[in-house]
PDB file of all heavy atoms in Angstrom:
ATOM      1  N   GLY A   1     -17.170  -2.799   1.798  1.00  0.00           N
ATOM      2  CA  GLY A   1     -17.833  -1.698   2.480  1.00  0.00           C
ATOM      3  C   GLY A   1     -17.038  -0.410   2.483  1.00  0.00           C
ATOM      4  O   GLY A   1     -17.193   0.435   3.357  1.00  0.00           O
ATOM      5  N   ILE A   2     -16.178  -0.225   1.496  1.00  0.00           N
ATOM      6  CA  ILE A   2     -15.323   0.975   1.378  1.00  0.00           C
ATOM      7  C   ILE A   2     -14.482   1.122   2.642  1.00  0.00           C
ATOM      8  O   ILE A   2     -14.601   2.064   3.425  1.00  0.00           O
ATOM      9  CB  ILE A   2     -16.140   2.258   1.100  1.00  0.00           C
ATOM     10  CG1 ILE A   2     -17.221   2.004   0.039  1.00  0.00           C
ATOM     11  CG2 ILE A   2     -15.226   3.393   0.667  1.00  0.00           C
ATOM     12  CD1 ILE A   2     -16.682   1.552  -1.302  1.00  0.00           C
ATOM     13  N   ILE A   3     -13.588   0.151   2.831  1.00  0.00           N
ATOM     14  CA  ILE A   3     -12.686   0.149   3.985  1.00  0.00           C
ATOM     15  C   ILE A   3     -11.417   0.891   3.591  1.00  0.00           C
ATOM     16  O   ILE A   3     -10.721   0.498   2.658  1.00  0.00           O
ATOM     17  CB  ILE A   3     -12.338  -1.288   4.429  1.00  0.00           C
ATOM     18  CG1 ILE A   3     -13.622  -2.116   4.639  1.00  0.00           C
ATOM     19  CG2 ILE A   3     -11.489  -1.263   5.683  1.00  0.00           C
ATOM     20  CD1 ILE A   3     -14.568  -1.554   5.667  1.00  0.00           C
ATOM     21  N   VAL A   4     -11.103   1.960   4.300  1.00  0.00           N
ATOM     22  CA  VAL A   4      -9.943   2.786   3.982  1.00  0.00           C
ATOM     23  C   VAL A   4      -8.749   2.340   4.829  1.00  0.00           C
ATOM     24  O   VAL A   4      -8.812   2.301   6.052  1.00  0.00           O
ATOM     25  CB  VAL A   4     -10.231   4.278   4.207  1.00  0.00           C
ATOM     26  CG1 VAL A   4      -8.995   5.113   3.889  1.00  0.00           C
ATOM     27  CG2 VAL A   4     -11.407   4.724   3.336  1.00  0.00           C
ATOM     28  N   MET A   5      -7.670   2.013   4.153  1.00  0.00           N
ATOM     29  CA  MET A   5      -6.456   1.495   4.777  1.00  0.00           C
ATOM     30  C   MET A   5      -5.717   2.605   5.529  1.00  0.00           C
ATOM     31  O   MET A   5      -5.520   3.692   4.984  1.00  0.00           O
ATOM     32  CB  MET A   5      -5.573   0.940   3.650  1.00  0.00           C
ATOM     33  CG  MET A   5      -4.266   0.331   4.062  1.00  0.00           C
ATOM     34  SD  MET A   5      -3.294  -0.087   2.571  1.00  0.00           S
ATOM     35  CE  MET A   5      -4.221  -1.460   1.915  1.00  0.00           C
ATOM     36  N   PRO A   6      -5.277   2.359   6.759  1.00  0.00           N
ATOM     37  CA  PRO A   6      -4.473   3.363   7.474  1.00  0.00           C
ATOM     38  C   PRO A   6      -3.141   3.624   6.760  1.00  0.00           C
ATOM     39  O   PRO A   6      -2.568   2.718   6.159  1.00  0.00           O
ATOM     40  CB  PRO A   6      -4.242   2.724   8.844  1.00  0.00           C
ATOM     41  CG  PRO A   6      -5.243   1.646   8.971  1.00  0.00           C
ATOM     42  CD  PRO A   6      -5.529   1.170   7.586  1.00  0.00           C
ATOM     43  N   GLU A   7      -2.680   4.847   6.852  1.00  0.00           N
ATOM     44  CA  GLU A   7      -1.456   5.247   6.170  1.00  0.00           C
ATOM     45  C   GLU A   7      -0.257   4.424   6.650  1.00  0.00           C
ATOM     46  O   GLU A   7      -0.079   4.208   7.854  1.00  0.00           O
ATOM     47  CB  GLU A   7      -1.192   6.732   6.429  1.00  0.00           C
ATOM     48  CG  GLU A   7      -0.002   7.288   5.677  1.00  0.00           C
ATOM     49  CD  GLU A   7       0.203   8.764   5.928  1.00  0.00           C
ATOM     50  OE1 GLU A   7      -0.692   9.401   6.532  1.00  0.00           O
ATOM     51  OE2 GLU A   7       1.260   9.296   5.513  1.00  0.00           O
ATOM     52  N   GLY A   8       0.536   3.973   5.719  1.00  0.00           N
ATOM     53  CA  GLY A   8       1.744   3.237   6.039  1.00  0.00           C
ATOM     54  C   GLY A   8       1.656   1.750   5.780  1.00  0.00           C
ATOM     55  O   GLY A   8       2.675   1.075   5.605  1.00  0.00           O
ATOM     56  N   TYR A   9       0.436   1.222   5.738  1.00  0.00           N
ATOM     57  CA  TYR A   9       0.305  -0.224   5.563  1.00  0.00           C
ATOM     58  C   TYR A   9       0.714  -0.669   4.161  1.00  0.00           C
ATOM     59  O   TYR A   9       1.443  -1.651   3.996  1.00  0.00           O
ATOM     60  CB  TYR A   9      -1.129  -0.676   5.855  1.00  0.00           C
ATOM     61  CG  TYR A   9      -1.290  -2.187   5.755  1.00  0.00           C
ATOM     62  CD1 TYR A   9      -0.809  -3.018   6.756  1.00  0.00           C
ATOM     63  CD2 TYR A   9      -1.913  -2.769   4.661  1.00  0.00           C
ATOM     64  CE1 TYR A   9      -0.940  -4.404   6.671  1.00  0.00           C
ATOM     65  CE2 TYR A   9      -2.047  -4.152   4.558  1.00  0.00           C
ATOM     66  CZ  TYR A   9      -1.560  -4.961   5.567  1.00  0.00           C
ATOM     67  OH  TYR A   9      -1.683  -6.325   5.470  1.00  0.00           O
ATOM     68  N   LEU A  10       0.268   0.049   3.142  1.00  0.00           N
ATOM     69  CA  LEU A  10       0.581  -0.354   1.772  1.00  0.00           C
ATOM     70  C   LEU A  10       2.088  -0.326   1.537  1.00  0.00           C
ATOM     71  O   LEU A  10       2.649  -1.253   0.931  1.00  0.00           O
ATOM     72  CB  LEU A  10      -0.124   0.558   0.773  1.00  0.00           C
ATOM     73  CG  LEU A  10      -0.035   0.121  -0.694  1.00  0.00           C
ATOM     74  CD1 LEU A  10      -0.821  -1.161  -0.923  1.00  0.00           C
ATOM     75  CD2 LEU A  10      -0.536   1.217  -1.623  1.00  0.00           C
ATOM     76  N   ARG A  11       2.747   0.708   2.005  1.00  0.00           N
ATOM     77  CA  ARG A  11       4.199   0.794   1.874  1.00  0.00           C
ATOM     78  C   ARG A  11       4.861  -0.385   2.594  1.00  0.00           C
ATOM     79  O   ARG A  11       5.815  -0.986   2.096  1.00  0.00           O
ATOM     80  CB  ARG A  11       4.680   2.135   2.451  1.00  0.00           C
ATOM     81  CG  ARG A  11       6.172   2.258   2.739  1.00  0.00           C
ATOM     82  CD  ARG A  11       7.075   1.948   1.584  1.00  0.00           C
ATOM     83  NE  ARG A  11       6.828   2.765   0.407  1.00  0.00           N
ATOM     84  CZ  ARG A  11       7.462   2.604  -0.749  1.00  0.00           C
ATOM     85  NH1 ARG A  11       8.366   1.644  -0.870  1.00  0.00           N
ATOM     86  NH2 ARG A  11       7.193   3.375  -1.777  1.00  0.00           N
ATOM     87  N   GLY A  12       4.348  -0.738   3.762  1.00  0.00           N
ATOM     88  CA  GLY A  12       4.894  -1.868   4.506  1.00  0.00           C
ATOM     89  C   GLY A  12       4.722  -3.189   3.773  1.00  0.00           C
ATOM     90  O   GLY A  12       5.621  -4.041   3.774  1.00  0.00           O
ATOM     91  N   VAL A  13       3.568  -3.356   3.128  1.00  0.00           N
ATOM     92  CA  VAL A  13       3.320  -4.568   2.341  1.00  0.00           C
ATOM     93  C   VAL A  13       4.326  -4.669   1.193  1.00  0.00           C
ATOM     94  O   VAL A  13       4.893  -5.738   0.929  1.00  0.00           O
ATOM     95  CB  VAL A  13       1.872  -4.589   1.798  1.00  0.00           C
ATOM     96  CG1 VAL A  13       1.680  -5.697   0.768  1.00  0.00           C
ATOM     97  CG2 VAL A  13       0.878  -4.765   2.934  1.00  0.00           C
ATOM     98  N   ARG A  14       4.543  -3.558   0.507  1.00  0.00           N
ATOM     99  CA  ARG A  14       5.505  -3.557  -0.595  1.00  0.00           C
ATOM    100  C   ARG A  14       6.894  -3.970  -0.098  1.00  0.00           C
ATOM    101  O   ARG A  14       7.594  -4.772  -0.743  1.00  0.00           O
ATOM    102  CB  ARG A  14       5.549  -2.171  -1.232  1.00  0.00           C
ATOM    103  CG  ARG A  14       6.637  -1.934  -2.273  1.00  0.00           C
ATOM    104  CD  ARG A  14       6.451  -2.720  -3.562  1.00  0.00           C
ATOM    105  NE  ARG A  14       6.981  -4.076  -3.515  1.00  0.00           N
ATOM    106  CZ  ARG A  14       6.963  -4.915  -4.551  1.00  0.00           C
ATOM    107  NH1 ARG A  14       6.457  -4.535  -5.711  1.00  0.00           N
ATOM    108  NH2 ARG A  14       7.443  -6.128  -4.436  1.00  0.00           N
ATOM    109  N   GLU A  15       7.316  -3.420   1.005  1.00  0.00           N
ATOM    110  CA  GLU A  15       8.646  -3.720   1.532  1.00  0.00           C
ATOM    111  C   GLU A  15       8.772  -5.181   1.936  1.00  0.00           C
ATOM    112  O   GLU A  15       9.807  -5.830   1.682  1.00  0.00           O
ATOM    113  CB  GLU A  15       8.948  -2.791   2.715  1.00  0.00           C
ATOM    114  CG  GLU A  15       9.135  -1.340   2.289  1.00  0.00           C
ATOM    115  CD  GLU A  15       9.245  -0.375   3.455  1.00  0.00           C
ATOM    116  OE1 GLU A  15       9.060  -0.828   4.612  1.00  0.00           O
ATOM    117  OE2 GLU A  15       9.487   0.827   3.214  1.00  0.00           O
ATOM    118  N   LEU A  16       7.730  -5.726   2.539  1.00  0.00           N
ATOM    119  CA  LEU A  16       7.768  -7.133   2.949  1.00  0.00           C
ATOM    120  C   LEU A  16       7.779  -8.061   1.740  1.00  0.00           C
ATOM    121  O   LEU A  16       8.491  -9.076   1.735  1.00  0.00           O
ATOM    122  CB  LEU A  16       6.578  -7.445   3.857  1.00  0.00           C
ATOM    123  CG  LEU A  16       6.640  -6.861   5.267  1.00  0.00           C
ATOM    124  CD1 LEU A  16       5.329  -7.112   6.005  1.00  0.00           C
ATOM    125  CD2 LEU A  16       7.815  -7.429   6.058  1.00  0.00           C
ATOM    126  N   CYS A  17       6.988  -7.734   0.723  1.00  0.00           N
ATOM    127  CA  CYS A  17       6.977  -8.559  -0.487  1.00  0.00           C
ATOM    128  C   CYS A  17       8.356  -8.567  -1.141  1.00  0.00           C
ATOM    129  O   CYS A  17       8.832  -9.612  -1.615  1.00  0.00           O
ATOM    130  CB  CYS A  17       5.923  -8.056  -1.466  1.00  0.00           C
ATOM    131  SG  CYS A  17       4.228  -8.463  -1.000  1.00  0.00           S
ATOM    132  N   THR A  18       9.004  -7.420  -1.156  1.00  0.00           N
ATOM    133  CA  THR A  18      10.351  -7.339  -1.727  1.00  0.00           C
ATOM    134  C   THR A  18      11.338  -8.161  -0.898  1.00  0.00           C
ATOM    135  O   THR A  18      12.143  -8.936  -1.439  1.00  0.00           O
ATOM    136  CB  THR A  18      10.810  -5.874  -1.789  1.00  0.00           C
ATOM    137  OG1 THR A  18       9.900  -5.121  -2.589  1.00  0.00           O
ATOM    138  CG2 THR A  18      12.213  -5.774  -2.383  1.00  0.00           C
ATOM    139  N   THR A  19      11.272  -8.005   0.403  1.00  0.00           N
ATOM    140  CA  THR A  19      12.199  -8.711   1.296  1.00  0.00           C
ATOM    141  C   THR A  19      12.081 -10.222   1.157  1.00  0.00           C
ATOM    142  O   THR A  19      13.094 -10.938   1.137  1.00  0.00           O
ATOM    143  CB  THR A  19      11.930  -8.310   2.758  1.00  0.00           C
ATOM    144  OG1 THR A  19      12.155  -6.903   2.908  1.00  0.00           O
ATOM    145  CG2 THR A  19      12.826  -9.078   3.724  1.00  0.00           C
ATOM    146  N   TYR A  20      10.860 -10.707   1.038  1.00  0.00           N
ATOM    147  CA  TYR A  20      10.629 -12.154   1.029  1.00  0.00           C
ATOM    148  C   TYR A  20      10.395 -12.726  -0.371  1.00  0.00           C
ATOM    149  O   TYR A  20       9.976 -13.872  -0.510  1.00  0.00           O
ATOM    150  CB  TYR A  20       9.475 -12.503   1.973  1.00  0.00           C
ATOM    151  CG  TYR A  20       9.844 -12.292   3.425  1.00  0.00           C
ATOM    152  CD1 TYR A  20       9.500 -11.109   4.085  1.00  0.00           C
ATOM    153  CD2 TYR A  20      10.571 -13.243   4.119  1.00  0.00           C
ATOM    154  CE1 TYR A  20       9.857 -10.902   5.410  1.00  0.00           C
ATOM    155  CE2 TYR A  20      10.929 -13.054   5.448  1.00  0.00           C
ATOM    156  CZ  TYR A  20      10.564 -11.878   6.089  1.00  0.00           C
ATOM    157  OH  TYR A  20      10.935 -11.671   7.409  1.00  0.00           O
ATOM    158  N   ASP A  21      10.705 -11.955  -1.390  1.00  0.00           N
ATOM    159  CA  ASP A  21      10.654 -12.425  -2.776  1.00  0.00           C
ATOM    160  C   ASP A  21       9.267 -12.966  -3.147  1.00  0.00           C
ATOM    161  O   ASP A  21       9.108 -14.066  -3.680  1.00  0.00           O
ATOM    162  CB  ASP A  21      11.711 -13.504  -3.003  1.00  0.00           C
ATOM    163  CG  ASP A  21      12.132 -13.596  -4.472  1.00  0.00           C
ATOM    164  OD1 ASP A  21      11.870 -12.635  -5.233  1.00  0.00           O
ATOM    165  OD2 ASP A  21      12.712 -14.627  -4.862  1.00  0.00           O
ATOM    166  N   VAL A  22       8.256 -12.166  -2.857  1.00  0.00           N
ATOM    167  CA  VAL A  22       6.859 -12.480  -3.199  1.00  0.00           C
ATOM    168  C   VAL A  22       6.349 -11.349  -4.085  1.00  0.00           C
ATOM    169  O   VAL A  22       6.563 -10.173  -3.784  1.00  0.00           O
ATOM    170  CB  VAL A  22       6.000 -12.610  -1.919  1.00  0.00           C
ATOM    171  CG1 VAL A  22       4.518 -12.632  -2.254  1.00  0.00           C
ATOM    172  CG2 VAL A  22       6.393 -13.870  -1.141  1.00  0.00           C
ATOM    173  N   LEU A  23       5.713 -11.694  -5.178  1.00  0.00           N
ATOM    174  CA  LEU A  23       5.178 -10.662  -6.067  1.00  0.00           C
ATOM    175  C   LEU A  23       4.011  -9.941  -5.409  1.00  0.00           C
ATOM    176  O   LEU A  23       3.222 -10.544  -4.674  1.00  0.00           O
ATOM    177  CB  LEU A  23       4.732 -11.271  -7.389  1.00  0.00           C
ATOM    178  CG  LEU A  23       5.802 -11.975  -8.233  1.00  0.00           C
ATOM    179  CD1 LEU A  23       5.189 -12.503  -9.525  1.00  0.00           C
ATOM    180  CD2 LEU A  23       6.973 -11.043  -8.534  1.00  0.00           C
ATOM    181  N   MET A  24       3.887  -8.654  -5.699  1.00  0.00           N
ATOM    182  CA  MET A  24       2.767  -7.854  -5.198  1.00  0.00           C
ATOM    183  C   MET A  24       1.876  -7.478  -6.374  1.00  0.00           C
ATOM    184  O   MET A  24       2.326  -6.863  -7.342  1.00  0.00           O
ATOM    185  CB  MET A  24       3.272  -6.591  -4.498  1.00  0.00           C
ATOM    186  CG  MET A  24       2.167  -5.692  -3.975  1.00  0.00           C
ATOM    187  SD  MET A  24       2.848  -4.180  -3.227  1.00  0.00           S
ATOM    188  CE  MET A  24       1.322  -3.317  -2.801  1.00  0.00           C
ATOM    189  N   ILE A  25       0.613  -7.843  -6.276  1.00  0.00           N
ATOM    190  CA  ILE A  25      -0.391  -7.482  -7.281  1.00  0.00           C
ATOM    191  C   ILE A  25      -1.311  -6.434  -6.668  1.00  0.00           C
ATOM    192  O   ILE A  25      -1.932  -6.671  -5.633  1.00  0.00           O
ATOM    193  CB  ILE A  25      -1.229  -8.697  -7.721  1.00  0.00           C
ATOM    194  CG1 ILE A  25      -0.328  -9.801  -8.295  1.00  0.00           C
ATOM    195  CG2 ILE A  25      -2.292  -8.286  -8.739  1.00  0.00           C
ATOM    196  CD1 ILE A  25      -1.061 -11.121  -8.527  1.00  0.00           C
ATOM    197  N   ALA A  26      -1.399  -5.278  -7.288  1.00  0.00           N
ATOM    198  CA  ALA A  26      -2.314  -4.221  -6.837  1.00  0.00           C
ATOM    199  C   ALA A  26      -3.541  -4.212  -7.738  1.00  0.00           C
ATOM    200  O   ALA A  26      -3.431  -3.975  -8.936  1.00  0.00           O
ATOM    201  CB  ALA A  26      -1.623  -2.867  -6.865  1.00  0.00           C
ATOM    202  N   ASP A  27      -4.682  -4.492  -7.160  1.00  0.00           N
ATOM    203  CA  ASP A  27      -5.940  -4.467  -7.913  1.00  0.00           C
ATOM    204  C   ASP A  27      -6.508  -3.057  -7.835  1.00  0.00           C
ATOM    205  O   ASP A  27      -7.142  -2.670  -6.853  1.00  0.00           O
ATOM    206  CB  ASP A  27      -6.915  -5.481  -7.321  1.00  0.00           C
ATOM    207  CG  ASP A  27      -8.264  -5.492  -8.028  1.00  0.00           C
ATOM    208  OD1 ASP A  27      -8.478  -4.653  -8.936  1.00  0.00           O
ATOM    209  OD2 ASP A  27      -9.120  -6.315  -7.681  1.00  0.00           O
ATOM    210  N   GLU A  28      -6.287  -2.289  -8.897  1.00  0.00           N
ATOM    211  CA  GLU A  28      -6.754  -0.901  -8.963  1.00  0.00           C
ATOM    212  C   GLU A  28      -7.962  -0.764  -9.895  1.00  0.00           C
ATOM    213  O   GLU A  28      -8.202   0.317 -10.439  1.00  0.00           O
ATOM    214  CB  GLU A  28      -5.613   0.017  -9.416  1.00  0.00           C
ATOM    215  CG  GLU A  28      -4.475   0.119  -8.420  1.00  0.00           C
ATOM    216  CD  GLU A  28      -4.262   1.535  -7.910  1.00  0.00           C
ATOM    217  OE1 GLU A  28      -5.230   2.325  -7.936  1.00  0.00           O
ATOM    218  OE2 GLU A  28      -3.133   1.838  -7.482  1.00  0.00           O
ATOM    219  N   VAL A  29      -8.706  -1.833 -10.055  1.00  0.00           N
ATOM    220  CA  VAL A  29      -9.882  -1.781 -10.924  1.00  0.00           C
ATOM    221  C   VAL A  29     -10.845  -0.698 -10.442  1.00  0.00           C
ATOM    222  O   VAL A  29     -11.356   0.101 -11.229  1.00  0.00           O
ATOM    223  CB  VAL A  29     -10.577  -3.153 -11.001  1.00  0.00           C
ATOM    224  CG1 VAL A  29     -11.900  -3.043 -11.751  1.00  0.00           C
ATOM    225  CG2 VAL A  29      -9.663  -4.169 -11.693  1.00  0.00           C
ATOM    226  N   ALA A  30     -11.106  -0.659  -9.140  1.00  0.00           N
ATOM    227  CA  ALA A  30     -12.016   0.346  -8.587  1.00  0.00           C
ATOM    228  C   ALA A  30     -11.315   1.652  -8.253  1.00  0.00           C
ATOM    229  O   ALA A  30     -11.885   2.730  -8.400  1.00  0.00           O
ATOM    230  CB  ALA A  30     -12.703  -0.205  -7.338  1.00  0.00           C
TER     231      ALA A  30
END
């Protein structure tokens, strides 16, 4: 439904994935 993410969340996800050694996949198809 075109949900817009609040600012800061994506950066936080990246940092957590790095900290916990989990790969981050960004689906930018749309």
